[in-house]
Amino acid sequence: MIFGSNALVVKPALSLSPMLVAGILDNYHYTSVKTGTATADQKAIFQATVFEFSCFAPIVVGIVQILIWRFYMLRGASKVLPAVLAT
């Protein structure tokens, strides 16, 4: 069950995410930066977009993981753990 749901969710995400990010970056002058025809403003917008993808995407994914895994406990864990996570 675990491996099946892993394959169902992770494999398509690994295949589609580079295309999605390239499409989004193309809206922020990726092609012109790559060819060297971008203006200074276009380069600044592109750099800010790449920075946001590099920094904020992992933070958002980490927060989602914390929120999801907060409801699960390890076997034999003490009862103090949920109280610590709630604060």
PDB file of N, CA and C in Angstrom:
ATOM      1  N   MET A   1       0.822  -1.192   0.000  1.00  0.00           N
ATOM      2  CA  MET A   1       0.000   0.000   0.000  1.00  0.00           C
ATOM      3  C   MET A   1       0.865   1.255   0.000  1.00  0.00           C
ATOM      4  N   ILE A   2       1.898   1.261   0.825  1.00  0.00           N
ATOM      5  CA  ILE A   2       2.761   2.441   0.915  1.00  0.00           C
ATOM      6  C   ILE A   2       3.506   2.659  -0.391  1.00  0.00           C
ATOM      7  N   PHE A   3       4.040   1.600  -0.964  1.00  0.00           N
ATOM      8  CA  PHE A   3       4.810   1.745  -2.191  1.00  0.00           C
ATOM      9  C   PHE A   3       3.914   2.132  -3.368  1.00  0.00           C
ATOM     10  N   GLY A   4       2.692   1.649  -3.372  1.00  0.00           N
ATOM     11  CA  GLY A   4       1.762   2.003  -4.432  1.00  0.00           C
ATOM     12  C   GLY A   4       1.376   3.475  -4.384  1.00  0.00           C
ATOM     13  N   SER A   5       1.081   3.982  -3.183  1.00  0.00           N
ATOM     14  CA  SER A   5       0.748   5.403  -3.075  1.00  0.00           C
ATOM     15  C   SER A   5       1.970   6.274  -3.315  1.00  0.00           C
ATOM     16  N   ASN A   6       3.145   5.779  -2.961  1.00  0.00           N
ATOM     17  CA  ASN A   6       4.376   6.509  -3.268  1.00  0.00           C
ATOM     18  C   ASN A   6       4.545   6.632  -4.779  1.00  0.00           C
ATOM     19  N   ALA A   7       4.364   5.544  -5.490  1.00  0.00           N
ATOM     20  CA  ALA A   7       4.508   5.564  -6.944  1.00  0.00           C
ATOM     21  C   ALA A   7       3.425   6.423  -7.590  1.00  0.00           C
ATOM     22  N   LEU A   8       2.236   6.434  -7.018  1.00  0.00           N
ATOM     23  CA  LEU A   8       1.137   7.203  -7.580  1.00  0.00           C
ATOM     24  C   LEU A   8       1.345   8.707  -7.447  1.00  0.00           C
ATOM     25  N   VAL A   9       1.950   9.133  -6.353  1.00  0.00           N
ATOM     26  CA  VAL A   9       2.101  10.563  -6.090  1.00  0.00           C
ATOM     27  C   VAL A   9       3.476  11.085  -6.500  1.00  0.00           C
ATOM     28  N   VAL A  10       4.527  10.383  -6.112  1.00  0.00           N
ATOM     29  CA  VAL A  10       5.880  10.916  -6.261  1.00  0.00           C
ATOM     30  C   VAL A  10       6.377  10.830  -7.693  1.00  0.00           C
ATOM     31  N   LYS A  11       6.160   9.736  -8.356  1.00  0.00           N
ATOM     32  CA  LYS A  11       6.708   9.569  -9.715  1.00  0.00           C
ATOM     33  C   LYS A  11       6.176  10.619 -10.690  1.00  0.00           C
ATOM     34  N   PRO A  12       4.864  10.863 -10.756  1.00  0.00           N
ATOM     35  CA  PRO A  12       4.408  11.938 -11.649  1.00  0.00           C
ATOM     36  C   PRO A  12       4.903  13.316 -11.216  1.00  0.00           C
ATOM     37  N   ALA A  13       5.008  13.538  -9.916  1.00  0.00           N
ATOM     38  CA  ALA A  13       5.491  14.834  -9.439  1.00  0.00           C
ATOM     39  C   ALA A  13       6.939  15.064  -9.859  1.00  0.00           C
ATOM     40  N   LEU A  14       7.760  14.027  -9.800  1.00  0.00           N
ATOM     41  CA  LEU A  14       9.153  14.162 -10.223  1.00  0.00           C
ATOM     42  C   LEU A  14       9.260  14.390 -11.721  1.00  0.00           C
ATOM     43  N   SER A  15       8.332  13.869 -12.476  1.00  0.00           N
ATOM     44  CA  SER A  15       8.367  14.045 -13.922  1.00  0.00           C
ATOM     45  C   SER A  15       7.794  15.393 -14.356  1.00  0.00           C
ATOM     46  N   LEU A  16       6.752  15.846 -13.690  1.00  0.00           N
ATOM     47  CA  LEU A  16       6.063  17.057 -14.128  1.00  0.00           C
ATOM     48  C   LEU A  16       6.599  18.340 -13.505  1.00  0.00           C
ATOM     49  N   SER A  17       7.215  18.257 -12.348  1.00  0.00           N
ATOM     50  CA  SER A  17       7.650  19.482 -11.676  1.00  0.00           C
ATOM     51  C   SER A  17       8.706  20.262 -12.451  1.00  0.00           C
ATOM     52  N   PRO A  18       9.700  19.640 -13.104  1.00  0.00           N
ATOM     53  CA  PRO A  18      10.636  20.459 -13.887  1.00  0.00           C
ATOM     54  C   PRO A  18       9.957  21.204 -15.036  1.00  0.00           C
ATOM     55  N   MET A  19       8.983  20.567 -15.667  1.00  0.00           N
ATOM     56  CA  MET A  19       8.274  21.244 -16.753  1.00  0.00           C
ATOM     57  C   MET A  19       7.422  22.385 -16.220  1.00  0.00           C
ATOM     58  N   LEU A  20       6.810  22.195 -15.072  1.00  0.00           N
ATOM     59  CA  LEU A  20       5.999  23.242 -14.467  1.00  0.00           C
ATOM     60  C   LEU A  20       6.865  24.441 -14.087  1.00  0.00           C
ATOM     61  N   VAL A  21       7.998  24.184 -13.455  1.00  0.00           N
ATOM     62  CA  VAL A  21       8.893  25.273 -13.046  1.00  0.00           C
ATOM     63  C   VAL A  21       9.456  25.988 -14.272  1.00  0.00           C
ATOM     64  N   ALA A  22       9.837  25.254 -15.309  1.00  0.00           N
ATOM     65  CA  ALA A  22      10.346  25.891 -16.530  1.00  0.00           C
ATOM     66  C   ALA A  22       9.267  26.757 -17.180  1.00  0.00           C
ATOM     67  N   GLY A  23       8.035  26.301 -17.168  1.00  0.00           N
ATOM     68  CA  GLY A  23       6.940  27.105 -17.709  1.00  0.00           C
ATOM     69  C   GLY A  23       6.706  28.376 -16.911  1.00  0.00           C
ATOM     70  N   ILE A  24       6.779  28.262 -15.596  1.00  0.00           N
ATOM     71  CA  ILE A  24       6.601  29.453 -14.751  1.00  0.00           C
ATOM     72  C   ILE A  24       7.760  30.416 -14.944  1.00  0.00           C
ATOM     73  N   LEU A  25       8.996  29.892 -14.984  1.00  0.00           N
ATOM     74  CA  LEU A  25      10.158  30.761 -15.179  1.00  0.00           C
ATOM     75  C   LEU A  25      10.153  31.411 -16.552  1.00  0.00           C
ATOM     76  N   ASP A  26       9.571  30.755 -17.532  1.00  0.00           N
ATOM     77  CA  ASP A  26       9.499  31.343 -18.862  1.00  0.00           C
ATOM     78  C   ASP A  26       8.601  32.578 -18.867  1.00  0.00           C
ATOM     79  N   ASN A  27       7.617  32.616 -17.976  1.00  0.00           N
ATOM     80  CA  ASN A  27       6.791  33.814 -17.837  1.00  0.00           C
ATOM     81  C   ASN A  27       7.568  34.974 -17.234  1.00  0.00           C
ATOM     82  N   TYR A  28       8.688  34.671 -16.569  1.00  0.00           N
ATOM     83  CA  TYR A  28       9.521  35.697 -15.947  1.00  0.00           C
ATOM     84  C   TYR A  28      10.843  35.859 -16.699  1.00  0.00           C
ATOM     85  N   HIS A  29      10.787  35.830 -18.031  1.00  0.00           N
ATOM     86  CA  HIS A  29      11.888  36.168 -18.929  1.00  0.00           C
ATOM     87  C   HIS A  29      13.034  35.155 -18.906  1.00  0.00           C
ATOM     88  N   TYR A  30      12.749  33.887 -18.709  1.00  0.00           N
ATOM     89  CA  TYR A  30      13.788  32.857 -18.704  1.00  0.00           C
ATOM     90  C   TYR A  30      14.497  32.770 -20.054  1.00  0.00           C
ATOM     91  N   THR A  31      13.746  32.820 -21.141  1.00  0.00           N
ATOM     92  CA  THR A  31      14.331  32.673 -22.477  1.00  0.00           C
ATOM     93  C   THR A  31      15.260  33.836 -22.792  1.00  0.00           C
ATOM     94  N   SER A  32      14.845  35.043 -22.462  1.00  0.00           N
ATOM     95  CA  SER A  32      15.695  36.195 -22.765  1.00  0.00           C
ATOM     96  C   SER A  32      16.936  36.242 -21.876  1.00  0.00           C
ATOM     97  N   VAL A  33      16.828  35.777 -20.636  1.00  0.00           N
ATOM     98  CA  VAL A  33      18.007  35.707 -19.771  1.00  0.00           C
ATOM     99  C   VAL A  33      18.959  34.638 -20.286  1.00  0.00           C
ATOM    100  N   LYS A  34      18.403  33.516 -20.731  1.00  0.00           N
ATOM    101  CA  LYS A  34      19.237  32.423 -21.231  1.00  0.00           C
ATOM    102  C   LYS A  34      19.985  32.818 -22.507  1.00  0.00           C
ATOM    103  N   THR A  35      19.337  33.565 -23.383  1.00  0.00           N
ATOM    104  CA  THR A  35      19.986  33.961 -24.634  1.00  0.00           C
ATOM    105  C   THR A  35      20.863  35.198 -24.476  1.00  0.00           C
ATOM    106  N   GLY A  36      20.740  35.903 -23.363  1.00  0.00           N
ATOM    107  CA  GLY A  36      21.561  37.074 -23.120  1.00  0.00           C
ATOM    108  C   GLY A  36      20.976  38.364 -23.655  1.00  0.00           C
ATOM    109  N   THR A  37      19.713  38.378 -23.998  1.00  0.00           N
ATOM    110  CA  THR A  37      19.071  39.578 -24.533  1.00  0.00           C
ATOM    111  C   THR A  37      18.186  40.280 -23.511  1.00  0.00           C
ATOM    112  N   ALA A  38      18.268  39.895 -22.264  1.00  0.00           N
ATOM    113  CA  ALA A  38      17.402  40.468 -21.230  1.00  0.00           C
ATOM    114  C   ALA A  38      17.936  41.817 -20.766  1.00  0.00           C
ATOM    115  N   THR A  39      17.018  42.678 -20.408  1.00  0.00           N
ATOM    116  CA  THR A  39      17.398  43.955 -19.824  1.00  0.00           C
ATOM    117  C   THR A  39      17.725  43.749 -18.347  1.00  0.00           C
ATOM    118  N   ALA A  40      18.220  44.788 -17.708  1.00  0.00           N
ATOM    119  CA  ALA A  40      18.566  44.697 -16.289  1.00  0.00           C
ATOM    120  C   ALA A  40      17.324  44.443 -15.438  1.00  0.00           C
ATOM    121  N   ASP A  41      16.206  45.055 -15.817  1.00  0.00           N
ATOM    122  CA  ASP A  41      14.965  44.838 -15.062  1.00  0.00           C
ATOM    123  C   ASP A  41      14.478  43.392 -15.203  1.00  0.00           C
ATOM    124  N   GLN A  42      14.576  42.850 -16.406  1.00  0.00           N
ATOM    125  CA  GLN A  42      14.159  41.472 -16.627  1.00  0.00           C
ATOM    126  C   GLN A  42      15.053  40.501 -15.854  1.00  0.00           C
ATOM    127  N   LYS A  43      16.338  40.781 -15.807  1.00  0.00           N
ATOM    128  CA  LYS A  43      17.251  39.927 -15.031  1.00  0.00           C
ATOM    129  C   LYS A  43      16.924  39.985 -13.548  1.00  0.00           C
ATOM    130  N   ALA A  44      16.598  41.175 -13.048  1.00  0.00           N
ATOM    131  CA  ALA A  44      16.258  41.317 -11.631  1.00  0.00           C
ATOM    132  C   ALA A  44      14.979  40.562 -11.295  1.00  0.00           C
ATOM    133  N   ILE A  45      13.983  40.653 -12.177  1.00  0.00           N
ATOM    134  CA  ILE A  45      12.729  39.925 -11.957  1.00  0.00           C
ATOM    135  C   ILE A  45      12.977  38.425 -11.980  1.00  0.00           C
ATOM    136  N   PHE A  46      13.789  37.979 -12.934  1.00  0.00           N
ATOM    137  CA  PHE A  46      14.092  36.544 -13.033  1.00  0.00           C
ATOM    138  C   PHE A  46      14.855  36.061 -11.804  1.00  0.00           C
ATOM    139  N   GLN A  47      15.838  36.836 -11.353  1.00  0.00           N
ATOM    140  CA  GLN A  47      16.609  36.439 -10.169  1.00  0.00           C
ATOM    141  C   GLN A  47      15.730  36.379  -8.930  1.00  0.00           C
ATOM    142  N   ALA A  48      14.805  37.318  -8.797  1.00  0.00           N
ATOM    143  CA  ALA A  48      13.900  37.297  -7.647  1.00  0.00           C
ATOM    144  C   ALA A  48      12.993  36.077  -7.694  1.00  0.00           C
ATOM    145  N   THR A  49      12.545  35.718  -8.889  1.00  0.00           N
ATOM    146  CA  THR A  49      11.686  34.539  -9.035  1.00  0.00           C
ATOM    147  C   THR A  49      12.442  33.259  -8.698  1.00  0.00           C
ATOM    148  N   VAL A  50      13.668  33.135  -9.177  1.00  0.00           N
ATOM    149  CA  VAL A  50      14.480  31.956  -8.870  1.00  0.00           C
ATOM    150  C   VAL A  50      14.762  31.888  -7.369  1.00  0.00           C
ATOM    151  N   PHE A  51      15.019  33.030  -6.748  1.00  0.00           N
ATOM    152  CA  PHE A  51      15.243  33.058  -5.301  1.00  0.00           C
ATOM    153  C   PHE A  51      14.009  32.581  -4.548  1.00  0.00           C
ATOM    154  N   GLU A  52      12.833  33.037  -4.982  1.00  0.00           N
ATOM    155  CA  GLU A  52      11.607  32.617  -4.317  1.00  0.00           C
ATOM    156  C   GLU A  52      11.381  31.117  -4.461  1.00  0.00           C
ATOM    157  N   PHE A  53      11.647  30.577  -5.656  1.00  0.00           N
ATOM    158  CA  PHE A  53      11.518  29.124  -5.839  1.00  0.00           C
ATOM    159  C   PHE A  53      12.514  28.372  -4.971  1.00  0.00           C
ATOM    160  N   SER A  54      13.722  28.890  -4.868  1.00  0.00           N
ATOM    161  CA  SER A  54      14.772  28.189  -4.130  1.00  0.00           C
ATOM    162  C   SER A  54      14.557  28.228  -2.623  1.00  0.00           C
ATOM    163  N   CYS A  55      14.002  29.323  -2.131  1.00  0.00           N
ATOM    164  CA  CYS A  55      13.869  29.482  -0.676  1.00  0.00           C
ATOM    165  C   CYS A  55      12.482  29.148  -0.145  1.00  0.00           C
ATOM    166  N   PHE A  56      11.460  29.664  -0.802  1.00  0.00           N
ATOM    167  CA  PHE A  56      10.133  29.552  -0.221  1.00  0.00           C
ATOM    168  C   PHE A  56       9.430  28.236  -0.536  1.00  0.00           C
ATOM    169  N   ALA A  57       9.737  27.625  -1.669  1.00  0.00           N
ATOM    170  CA  ALA A  57       9.105  26.341  -1.986  1.00  0.00           C
ATOM    171  C   ALA A  57       9.470  25.263  -0.968  1.00  0.00           C
ATOM    172  N   PRO A  58      10.757  25.100  -0.590  1.00  0.00           N
ATOM    173  CA  PRO A  58      11.064  24.106   0.445  1.00  0.00           C
ATOM    174  C   PRO A  58      10.453  24.443   1.803  1.00  0.00           C
ATOM    175  N   ILE A  59      10.345  25.723   2.111  1.00  0.00           N
ATOM    176  CA  ILE A  59       9.734  26.113   3.385  1.00  0.00           C
ATOM    177  C   ILE A  59       8.252  25.730   3.397  1.00  0.00           C
ATOM    178  N   VAL A  60       7.556  25.992   2.310  1.00  0.00           N
ATOM    179  CA  VAL A  60       6.125  25.652   2.235  1.00  0.00           C
ATOM    180  C   VAL A  60       5.930  24.145   2.308  1.00  0.00           C
ATOM    181  N   VAL A  61       6.743  23.397   1.582  1.00  0.00           N
ATOM    182  CA  VAL A  61       6.634  21.936   1.616  1.00  0.00           C
ATOM    183  C   VAL A  61       6.944  21.413   3.014  1.00  0.00           C
ATOM    184  N   GLY A  62       7.939  21.983   3.671  1.00  0.00           N
ATOM    185  CA  GLY A  62       8.265  21.569   5.041  1.00  0.00           C
ATOM    186  C   GLY A  62       7.139  21.844   6.012  1.00  0.00           C
ATOM    187  N   ILE A  63       6.499  22.988   5.878  1.00  0.00           N
ATOM    188  CA  ILE A  63       5.370  23.315   6.764  1.00  0.00           C
ATOM    189  C   ILE A  63       4.208  22.359   6.530  1.00  0.00           C
ATOM    190  N   VAL A  64       3.937  22.043   5.273  1.00  0.00           N
ATOM    191  CA  VAL A  64       2.872  21.088   4.966  1.00  0.00           C
ATOM    192  C   VAL A  64       3.202  19.719   5.561  1.00  0.00           C
ATOM    193  N   GLN A  65       4.460  19.292   5.441  1.00  0.00           N
ATOM    194  CA  GLN A  65       4.859  18.009   6.027  1.00  0.00           C
ATOM    195  C   GLN A  65       4.694  18.011   7.535  1.00  0.00           C
ATOM    196  N   ILE A  66       5.080  19.096   8.179  1.00  0.00           N
ATOM    197  CA  ILE A  66       4.929  19.175   9.641  1.00  0.00           C
ATOM    198  C   ILE A  66       3.458  19.095  10.023  1.00  0.00           C
ATOM    199  N   LEU A  67       2.615  19.796   9.286  1.00  0.00           N
ATOM    200  CA  LEU A  67       1.185  19.771   9.609  1.00  0.00           C
ATOM    201  C   LEU A  67       0.574  18.394   9.398  1.00  0.00           C
ATOM    202  N   ILE A  68       0.999  17.697   8.360  1.00  0.00           N
ATOM    203  CA  ILE A  68       0.456  16.357   8.106  1.00  0.00           C
ATOM    204  C   ILE A  68       0.987  15.361   9.122  1.00  0.00           C
ATOM    205  N   TRP A  69       2.290  15.347   9.355  1.00  0.00           N
ATOM    206  CA  TRP A  69       2.881  14.350  10.250  1.00  0.00           C
ATOM    207  C   TRP A  69       2.617  14.646  11.717  1.00  0.00           C
ATOM    208  N   ARG A  70       2.076  15.779  12.006  1.00  0.00           N
ATOM    209  CA  ARG A  70       1.773  16.123  13.388  1.00  0.00           C
ATOM    210  C   ARG A  70       0.706  15.199  13.977  1.00  0.00           C
ATOM    211  N   PHE A  71      -0.118  14.638  13.116  1.00  0.00           N
ATOM    212  CA  PHE A  71      -1.201  13.782  13.583  1.00  0.00           C
ATOM    213  C   PHE A  71      -0.769  12.333  13.801  1.00  0.00           C
ATOM    214  N   TYR A  72       0.458  11.987  13.487  1.00  0.00           N
ATOM    215  CA  TYR A  72       0.945  10.619  13.629  1.00  0.00           C
ATOM    216  C   TYR A  72       2.009  10.558  14.706  1.00  0.00           C
ATOM    217  N   MET A  73       2.021   9.434  15.417  1.00  0.00           N
ATOM    218  CA  MET A  73       2.989   9.255  16.482  1.00  0.00           C
ATOM    219  C   MET A  73       3.773   7.977  16.242  1.00  0.00           C
ATOM    220  N   LEU A  74       4.993   7.954  16.677  1.00  0.00           N
ATOM    221  CA  LEU A  74       5.782   6.735  16.612  1.00  0.00           C
ATOM    222  C   LEU A  74       5.262   5.751  17.658  1.00  0.00           C
ATOM    223  N   ARG A  75       5.401   4.480  17.371  1.00  0.00           N
ATOM    224  CA  ARG A  75       4.966   3.477  18.347  1.00  0.00           C
ATOM    225  C   ARG A  75       5.809   3.576  19.604  1.00  0.00           C
ATOM    226  N   GLY A  76       5.143   3.538  20.721  1.00  0.00           N
ATOM    227  CA  GLY A  76       5.843   3.551  21.990  1.00  0.00           C
ATOM    228  C   GLY A  76       6.336   4.927  22.403  1.00  0.00           C
ATOM    229  N   ALA A  77       5.985   5.957  21.661  1.00  0.00           N
ATOM    230  CA  ALA A  77       6.406   7.304  22.041  1.00  0.00           C
ATOM    231  C   ALA A  77       5.647   7.727  23.288  1.00  0.00           C
ATOM    232  N   SER A  78       6.277   8.572  24.053  1.00  0.00           N
ATOM    233  CA  SER A  78       5.640   8.995  25.297  1.00  0.00           C
ATOM    234  C   SER A  78       4.466   9.925  24.996  1.00  0.00           C
ATOM    235  N   LYS A  79       3.616  10.101  25.981  1.00  0.00           N
ATOM    236  CA  LYS A  79       2.448  10.961  25.817  1.00  0.00           C
ATOM    237  C   LYS A  79       2.826  12.438  25.877  1.00  0.00           C
ATOM    238  N   VAL A  80       4.071  12.753  26.193  1.00  0.00           N
ATOM    239  CA  VAL A  80       4.516  14.128  26.285  1.00  0.00           C
ATOM    240  C   VAL A  80       4.682  14.727  24.895  1.00  0.00           C
ATOM    241  N   LEU A  81       4.997  13.915  23.893  1.00  0.00           N
ATOM    242  CA  LEU A  81       5.289  14.388  22.554  1.00  0.00           C
ATOM    243  C   LEU A  81       4.145  15.206  21.942  1.00  0.00           C
ATOM    244  N   PRO A  82       2.882  14.771  21.982  1.00  0.00           N
ATOM    245  CA  PRO A  82       1.812  15.607  21.418  1.00  0.00           C
ATOM    246  C   PRO A  82       1.656  16.946  22.131  1.00  0.00           C
ATOM    247  N   ALA A  83       1.896  16.971  23.431  1.00  0.00           N
ATOM    248  CA  ALA A  83       1.789  18.222  24.177  1.00  0.00           C
ATOM    249  C   ALA A  83       2.884  19.191  23.760  1.00  0.00           C
ATOM    250  N   VAL A  84       4.062  18.681  23.465  1.00  0.00           N
ATOM    251  CA  VAL A  84       5.168  19.526  23.026  1.00  0.00           C
ATOM    252  C   VAL A  84       4.882  20.079  21.649  1.00  0.00           C
ATOM    253  N   LEU A  85       4.340  19.265  20.743  1.00  0.00           N
ATOM    254  CA  LEU A  85       4.057  19.713  19.387  1.00  0.00           C
ATOM    255  C   LEU A  85       2.907  20.699  19.345  1.00  0.00           C
ATOM    256  N   ALA A  86       1.996  20.627  20.300  1.00  0.00           N
ATOM    257  CA  ALA A  86       0.831  21.514  20.313  1.00  0.00           C
ATOM    258  C   ALA A  86       1.211  22.933  20.688  1.00  0.00           C
ATOM    259  N   THR A  87       2.329  23.118  21.371  1.00  0.00           N
ATOM    260  CA  THR A  87       2.708  24.463  21.795  1.00  0.00           C
ATOM    261  C   THR A  87       3.531  25.175  20.779  1.00  0.00           C
TER     262      THR A  87
END
